């Protein structure tokens, strides 16, 4: 069985305009969403997780201070990758989490 439309359906003005209508609807949906809403929501959830779990923040602060004692930055790519892996986060989310933890719980960490 082929994938072509039957001749009568292919001549239908409605079906011929369907791809355009779908594309327009998709574009309208994308454009209607607030710019940056998904990343802002993710960042907000990460901040909330730090607020709700101070033990996680304290543990991360200890790890960051240990890195600093070795002369390494808590915000280095290696440190961010370690946080991402240990917390099951993307590198970007791990960077946000690290920034929040340092800012809220261990501002002396570098």
Protein backbone atom coordinates (compact mmCIF):
# COMPACT_ATOMS: atom_id res chain seq x y z
CA UNK A 1 0.00 0.00 0.00
CA UNK A 2 1.43 3.37 -1.03
CA UNK A 3 1.62 6.53 1.03
CA UNK A 4 0.08 8.78 -1.64
CA UNK A 5 -3.36 10.21 -1.03
CA UNK A 6 -6.21 9.06 -3.24
CA UNK A 7 -6.73 11.48 -6.13
CA UNK A 8 -10.02 12.85 -4.76
CA UNK A 9 -8.40 13.63 -1.39
CA UNK A 10 -5.32 15.21 -2.99
CA UNK A 11 -7.58 17.67 -4.86
CA UNK A 12 -9.34 18.74 -1.66
CA UNK A 13 -8.55 22.39 -0.85
CA UNK A 14 -8.81 21.58 2.84
CA UNK A 15 -6.22 18.82 2.69
CA UNK A 16 -3.91 20.85 0.44
CA UNK A 17 -3.91 23.69 2.99
CA UNK A 18 -3.52 21.36 5.98
CA UNK A 19 0.30 21.50 6.12
CA UNK A 20 0.18 25.30 6.05
CA UNK A 21 -2.49 25.36 8.76
CA UNK A 22 -0.50 22.96 10.92
CA UNK A 23 2.65 25.01 10.51
CA UNK A 24 0.81 28.23 11.35
CA UNK A 25 -0.78 26.66 14.41
CA UNK A 26 2.54 25.31 15.58
CA UNK A 27 4.21 28.68 15.11
CA UNK A 28 1.40 30.44 16.97
CA UNK A 29 1.76 28.03 19.87
CA UNK A 30 5.51 28.52 20.04
CA UNK A 31 5.27 32.28 19.75
CA UNK A 32 2.52 32.48 22.35
CA UNK A 33 4.71 30.88 25.03
CA UNK A 34 6.54 33.41 27.18
CA UNK A 35 10.16 33.75 26.18
CA UNK A 36 12.37 31.89 28.60
CA UNK A 37 9.51 30.32 30.52
CA UNK A 38 10.88 26.76 30.51
CA UNK A 39 14.41 27.68 31.66
CA UNK A 40 13.00 30.04 34.28
CA UNK A 41 10.75 27.29 35.59
CA UNK A 42 13.67 24.86 35.73
CA UNK A 43 15.85 27.39 37.52
CA UNK A 44 13.05 28.12 39.98
CA UNK A 45 12.65 24.40 40.71
CA UNK A 46 16.40 24.08 41.34
CA UNK A 47 16.36 27.04 43.72
CA UNK A 48 13.38 25.54 45.52
CA UNK A 49 15.16 22.19 45.83
CA UNK A 50 18.11 23.92 47.51
CA UNK A 51 15.79 25.78 49.88
CA UNK A 52 13.88 22.60 50.76
CA UNK A 53 16.98 20.42 51.20
CA UNK A 54 19.60 22.27 53.27
CA UNK A 55 21.52 19.01 53.84
CA UNK A 56 22.17 18.78 50.10
CA UNK A 57 23.43 22.35 50.12
CA UNK A 58 25.69 21.69 53.12
CA UNK A 59 27.10 18.57 51.49
CA UNK A 60 27.79 20.43 48.25
CA UNK A 61 29.43 23.27 50.22
CA UNK A 62 31.77 20.75 51.88
CA UNK A 63 32.69 19.36 48.46
CA UNK A 64 33.26 22.85 47.05
CA UNK A 65 35.44 23.85 50.03
CA UNK A 66 37.49 20.68 49.55
CA UNK A 67 38.01 21.62 45.91
CA UNK A 68 39.07 25.13 46.94
CA UNK A 69 41.55 23.64 49.43
CA UNK A 70 43.10 21.76 46.48
CA UNK A 71 43.33 25.03 44.55
CA UNK A 72 40.41 24.13 42.26
CA UNK A 73 37.36 26.22 41.49
CA UNK A 74 33.91 25.00 42.52
CA UNK A 75 32.58 26.41 39.27
CA UNK A 76 35.09 24.70 36.99
CA UNK A 77 33.82 22.48 34.20
CA UNK A 78 35.07 19.42 36.07
CA UNK A 79 33.22 20.40 39.25
CA UNK A 80 30.02 21.19 37.35
CA UNK A 81 30.25 17.84 35.55
CA UNK A 82 30.65 16.07 38.91
CA UNK A 83 27.59 17.84 40.33
CA UNK A 84 25.61 17.05 37.18
CA UNK A 85 26.47 13.37 37.43
CA UNK A 86 25.86 13.06 41.17
CA UNK A 87 22.53 14.90 41.04
CA UNK A 88 21.27 13.57 37.72
CA UNK A 89 21.22 17.02 36.12
CA UNK A 90 22.22 18.53 32.82
CA UNK A 91 25.46 20.53 32.93
CA UNK A 92 23.46 23.76 32.66
CA UNK A 93 21.20 22.83 35.57
CA UNK A 94 24.21 21.71 37.60
CA UNK A 95 25.79 25.10 37.00
CA UNK A 96 22.61 26.84 38.18
CA UNK A 97 22.43 24.59 41.24
CA UNK A 98 26.10 25.25 42.06
CA UNK A 99 25.58 28.99 41.75
CA UNK A 100 22.53 28.90 44.04
CA UNK A 101 24.27 26.74 46.64
CA UNK A 102 27.35 28.94 46.71
CA UNK A 103 25.30 32.13 46.82
CA UNK A 104 22.91 30.96 49.53
CA UNK A 105 25.01 28.66 51.69
CA UNK A 106 28.73 29.11 51.15
CA UNK A 107 29.56 32.54 49.70
CA UNK A 108 33.21 32.11 50.73
CA UNK A 109 33.64 29.35 48.14
CA UNK A 110 35.34 30.25 44.88
